[in-house]
Protein backbone atom coordinates (compact mmCIF):
# COMPACT_ATOMS: atom_id res chain seq x y z
CA MET A 1 31.06 36.63 101.45
CA THR A 2 34.30 35.91 99.54
CA ARG A 3 34.46 37.30 96.03
CA ILE A 4 35.96 34.97 93.47
CA VAL A 5 37.83 36.61 90.58
CA PRO A 6 38.00 34.52 87.41
CA LYS A 7 41.55 33.39 86.60
CA PHE A 8 41.57 34.92 83.16
CA VAL A 9 40.62 38.35 84.63
CA ALA A 10 43.36 38.23 87.26
CA LYS A 11 45.87 37.18 84.60
CA SER A 12 44.81 40.09 82.37
CA TRP A 13 45.34 42.59 85.19
CA ARG A 14 48.82 41.16 85.88
CA LEU A 15 49.77 41.46 82.22
CA MET A 16 48.53 45.06 82.12
CA ALA A 17 50.55 45.95 85.22
CA VAL A 18 53.70 44.48 83.70
CA SER A 19 53.08 46.38 80.45
CA VAL A 20 52.65 49.68 82.30
CA GLY A 21 55.81 49.06 84.29
CA VAL A 22 57.80 48.39 81.12
CA ALA A 23 56.42 51.53 79.48
CA VAL A 24 57.28 53.69 82.51
CA GLY A 25 60.76 52.20 82.59
CA ALA A 26 61.24 52.95 78.90
CA ILE A 27 60.16 56.56 79.37
CA GLY A 28 62.56 56.94 82.28
CA CYS A 29 65.42 55.55 80.18
CA GLN A 30 64.67 57.97 77.35
CA ASP A 31 65.16 60.90 79.72
CA VAL A 32 68.80 60.07 80.38
CA ALA A 33 69.76 58.13 77.25
CA GLY A 34 71.04 59.52 73.98
CA PRO A 35 74.15 61.41 72.88
CA ILE A 36 75.59 64.24 74.99
CA TRP A 37 77.48 67.05 73.28
CA VAL A 38 79.04 70.41 74.12
CA ASP A 39 76.29 72.89 73.33
CA SER A 40 77.75 76.06 74.85
CA LEU A 41 80.85 77.38 76.54
CA ALA A 42 81.16 79.76 79.48
CA LEU A 43 84.24 81.57 80.74
CA SER A 44 84.99 82.19 84.40
CA PRO A 45 85.39 85.01 85.08
CA ASP A 46 83.55 86.59 82.14
CA SER A 47 86.00 89.54 82.02
CA LEU A 48 89.50 90.47 83.17
CA TYR A 49 90.84 93.88 84.20
CA LEU A 50 94.62 94.16 83.94
CA VAL A 51 97.40 96.71 83.64
CA ALA A 52 100.29 96.35 81.21
CA GLY A 53 102.49 93.44 82.28
CA GLU A 54 99.86 91.95 84.60
CA THR A 55 98.58 88.39 84.09
CA GLY A 56 95.10 86.93 84.59
CA HIS A 57 93.37 83.64 83.88
CA PHE A 58 90.15 82.43 82.24
CA ASN A 59 88.69 78.98 82.88
CA SER A 60 86.61 77.23 80.21
CA ILE A 61 83.35 75.58 81.32
CA PRO A 62 81.69 73.40 78.64
CA MET A 63 77.93 72.85 79.00
CA ASP A 64 75.76 70.17 77.41
CA GLN A 65 72.38 70.65 75.75
CA ARG A 66 70.72 70.51 79.19
CA GLN A 67 73.15 73.12 80.57
CA ASN A 68 75.02 70.59 82.69
CA PRO A 69 78.79 71.10 82.98
CA LEU A 70 81.06 68.71 81.05
CA MET A 71 84.35 69.42 82.78
CA ASP A 72 85.92 66.18 81.51
CA ARG A 73 85.89 67.70 78.00
CA ALA A 74 87.27 71.14 78.95
CA GLU A 75 90.85 70.10 78.16
CA ARG A 76 90.01 70.19 74.43
CA THR A 77 89.04 73.89 74.46
CA GLU A 78 90.50 76.00 71.64
CA TRP A 79 91.54 79.58 72.49
CA ALA A 80 92.13 82.77 70.49
CA VAL A 81 92.62 86.47 71.26
CA SER A 82 91.24 89.18 68.95
CA ASN A 83 94.03 91.76 69.35
CA SER A 84 97.42 90.58 70.57
CA SER A 85 98.71 94.17 70.64
CA ILE A 86 96.37 94.79 73.62
CA ALA A 87 96.85 91.45 75.39
CA THR A 88 98.65 88.18 74.66
CA LEU A 89 97.19 84.72 75.26
CA THR A 90 98.68 81.34 76.10
CA SER A 91 96.53 78.32 76.84
CA GLU A 92 96.78 74.88 78.36
CA GLY A 93 93.64 72.79 78.14
CA SER A 94 90.83 74.47 80.07
CA VAL A 95 92.92 77.46 81.25
CA GLY A 96 93.73 80.55 79.21
CA THR A 97 96.43 82.89 80.53
CA VAL A 98 96.19 86.53 79.44
CA THR A 99 98.90 89.18 79.84
CA GLY A 100 98.23 92.88 79.36
CA VAL A 101 100.38 94.66 76.77
CA GLN A 102 98.98 98.19 76.40
CA ALA A 103 95.86 100.15 77.27
CA GLY A 104 92.74 99.07 75.43
CA ALA A 105 90.18 96.28 75.26
CA THR A 106 90.01 93.01 73.37
CA ASN A 107 88.17 89.68 73.34
CA VAL A 108 89.24 86.13 74.14
CA ARG A 109 87.22 83.55 72.22
CA VAL A 110 86.86 79.87 73.10
CA THR A 111 85.39 77.08 70.96
CA LEU A 112 84.66 73.41 71.58
CA GLY A 113 82.23 71.20 69.68
CA ARG A 114 79.08 73.21 68.97
CA GLY A 115 79.85 75.66 71.75
CA SER A 116 81.65 78.99 71.78
CA GLY A 117 82.09 81.81 74.24
CA ILE A 118 83.72 85.22 74.59
CA GLY A 119 85.52 86.84 77.51
CA ARG A 120 86.33 90.55 77.60
CA VAL A 121 89.81 91.78 78.52
CA TYR A 122 90.41 95.37 79.64
CA VAL A 123 93.99 96.59 79.92
CA GLU A 124 94.03 99.76 81.93
CA PRO A 125 96.64 102.51 81.77
CA ALA A 126 98.85 103.70 84.59
CA GLU A 127 97.59 104.61 88.06
CA LEU A 128 95.83 107.95 88.47
CA ALA A 129 96.43 110.57 91.13
CA GLU A 130 93.04 112.29 90.79
CA ILE A 131 89.82 112.36 88.79
CA ARG A 132 87.48 115.32 88.26
CA ILE A 133 84.18 116.12 86.56
CA GLU A 134 84.01 119.00 84.10
CA PRO A 135 82.00 121.13 84.63
CA SER A 136 82.17 120.71 88.41
CA ASN A 137 78.79 122.36 89.13
CA ILE A 138 75.89 121.73 86.79
CA GLU A 139 72.66 123.71 86.57
CA LEU A 140 69.85 122.75 84.21
CA ALA A 141 66.40 124.01 83.29
CA ALA A 142 63.51 121.67 84.12
CA GLY A 143 62.09 119.82 81.16
CA MET A 144 64.94 120.86 78.86
CA ASN A 145 65.95 117.42 77.62
CA ARG A 146 66.29 117.95 73.90
CA PHE A 147 69.73 117.12 72.50
CA GLU A 148 70.54 120.76 71.82
CA ASP A 149 69.59 121.69 75.41
CA ARG A 150 71.84 119.12 77.05
CA ILE A 151 75.11 120.00 78.77
CA PRO A 152 78.19 117.92 77.82
CA VAL A 153 80.13 116.46 80.72
CA ARG A 154 83.56 114.83 80.56
CA PRO A 155 86.08 113.29 82.96
CA ILE A 156 89.43 114.89 83.80
CA LEU A 157 92.06 112.27 84.62
CA ILE A 158 95.27 113.36 86.34
CA GLY A 159 98.33 111.11 86.29
CA LEU A 160 100.92 110.72 89.05
CA ASP A 161 103.07 113.38 87.35
CA GLY A 162 100.25 115.93 87.75
CA ASN A 163 99.39 116.10 84.07
CA GLU A 164 96.08 115.23 82.41
CA VAL A 165 96.13 111.84 80.67
CA PRO A 166 93.84 110.51 77.89
CA ALA A 167 90.80 108.55 79.04
CA THR A 168 91.45 105.69 76.56
CA GLY A 169 91.48 102.28 78.19
CA TYR A 170 90.05 103.25 81.59
CA ARG A 171 86.81 101.78 82.98
CA ILE A 172 84.58 104.83 83.11
CA SER A 173 80.96 104.98 84.22
CA TRP A 174 78.47 107.65 85.27
CA ARG A 175 75.58 107.34 87.71
CA THR A 176 72.67 109.63 88.55
CA SER A 177 71.25 109.50 92.07
CA ASN A 178 67.81 110.41 90.71
CA PRO A 179 66.95 109.91 87.01
CA GLN A 180 63.73 111.91 87.51
CA ILE A 181 65.71 115.09 88.22
CA PHE A 182 68.34 114.90 85.48
CA LEU A 183 68.65 112.53 82.57
CA MET A 184 71.54 110.82 80.85
CA VAL A 185 71.69 108.85 77.59
CA GLY A 186 68.66 106.61 77.15
CA ARG A 187 67.25 107.74 80.53
CA GLN A 188 69.52 105.18 82.19
CA GLU A 189 70.63 105.30 85.81
CA VAL A 190 74.16 104.12 84.92
CA VAL A 191 76.02 104.86 81.68
CA SER A 192 79.39 103.38 80.68
CA SER A 193 80.96 105.98 78.42
CA VAL A 194 83.94 108.32 78.38
CA SER A 195 81.78 111.43 78.13
CA ILE A 196 78.06 112.06 78.49
CA SER A 197 75.47 114.82 78.23
CA VAL A 198 72.80 115.60 80.81
CA GLY A 199 69.37 117.22 80.48
CA GLY A 200 66.91 118.61 83.00
CA GLY A 201 63.97 116.59 84.27
CA SER A 202 61.98 117.61 87.35
CA PRO A 203 63.04 120.53 89.57
CA GLY A 204 65.33 119.52 92.43
CA GLN A 205 68.89 118.52 93.21
CA ALA A 206 70.64 115.20 92.55
CA THR A 207 74.17 113.86 92.42
CA LEU A 208 76.24 112.85 89.41
CA THR A 209 78.92 110.25 90.20
CA LEU A 210 81.92 109.55 88.00
CA GLN A 211 83.74 106.25 88.56
CA VAL A 212 87.09 105.49 86.94
CA GLY A 213 88.36 102.08 87.95
CA ASP A 214 88.07 102.06 91.74
CA ARG A 215 88.05 105.86 92.08
CA LYS A 216 84.87 107.91 92.47
CA VAL A 217 84.05 111.61 92.49
CA THR A 218 80.67 113.38 92.65
CA THR A 219 79.20 116.74 91.70
CA PRO A 220 75.78 118.27 92.42
CA VAL A 221 73.26 118.76 89.61
CA ILE A 222 70.60 121.41 90.22
CA VAL A 223 67.47 121.56 88.08
CA ARG A 224 65.38 124.75 88.36
């Protein structure tokens, strides 16, 4: 048996289908329409490590409110350096060129539209011949982690002339091989600081590693 659909019903369904299609199309258009602006700025790389006289480069990457890159607008980036006695800055559009002046650290700031960003510049001193940990052998009492019970530890940096040089401007970090055995500041596994103090945790032996730039040295830490 053939079912006959009244004309006015069929027409109503067609009108409804058209209306739904228009609505869906409008929603789809709203997703991509509207103004696009620079909402944030990123720098690549996010930091530079130089020595005096050495040159490095930052690239500005503008991002819109949906975190999509807007590279066609990068040429309008504005650049500034916080401390020109540490590093100088010249810029051309999306590229900032930084030259190290003397040991220390400073920031490069970029702005464009609503966005801004900061890159860190480290100017390192002259090359080292040797690094050491003082004291070289560390013994601690278990559970003695109060500030007054901690042992201070510092780096010894030896220049190419054989003399000790100040630690200012060098990338210095400390790492414990087992934070359960001995503890550093904030119970962290890695600490970026010129000097630290260590306290005893659980009995055992672990390793303290000092890294200065690309150089590393270790010393045992015994907790009794």
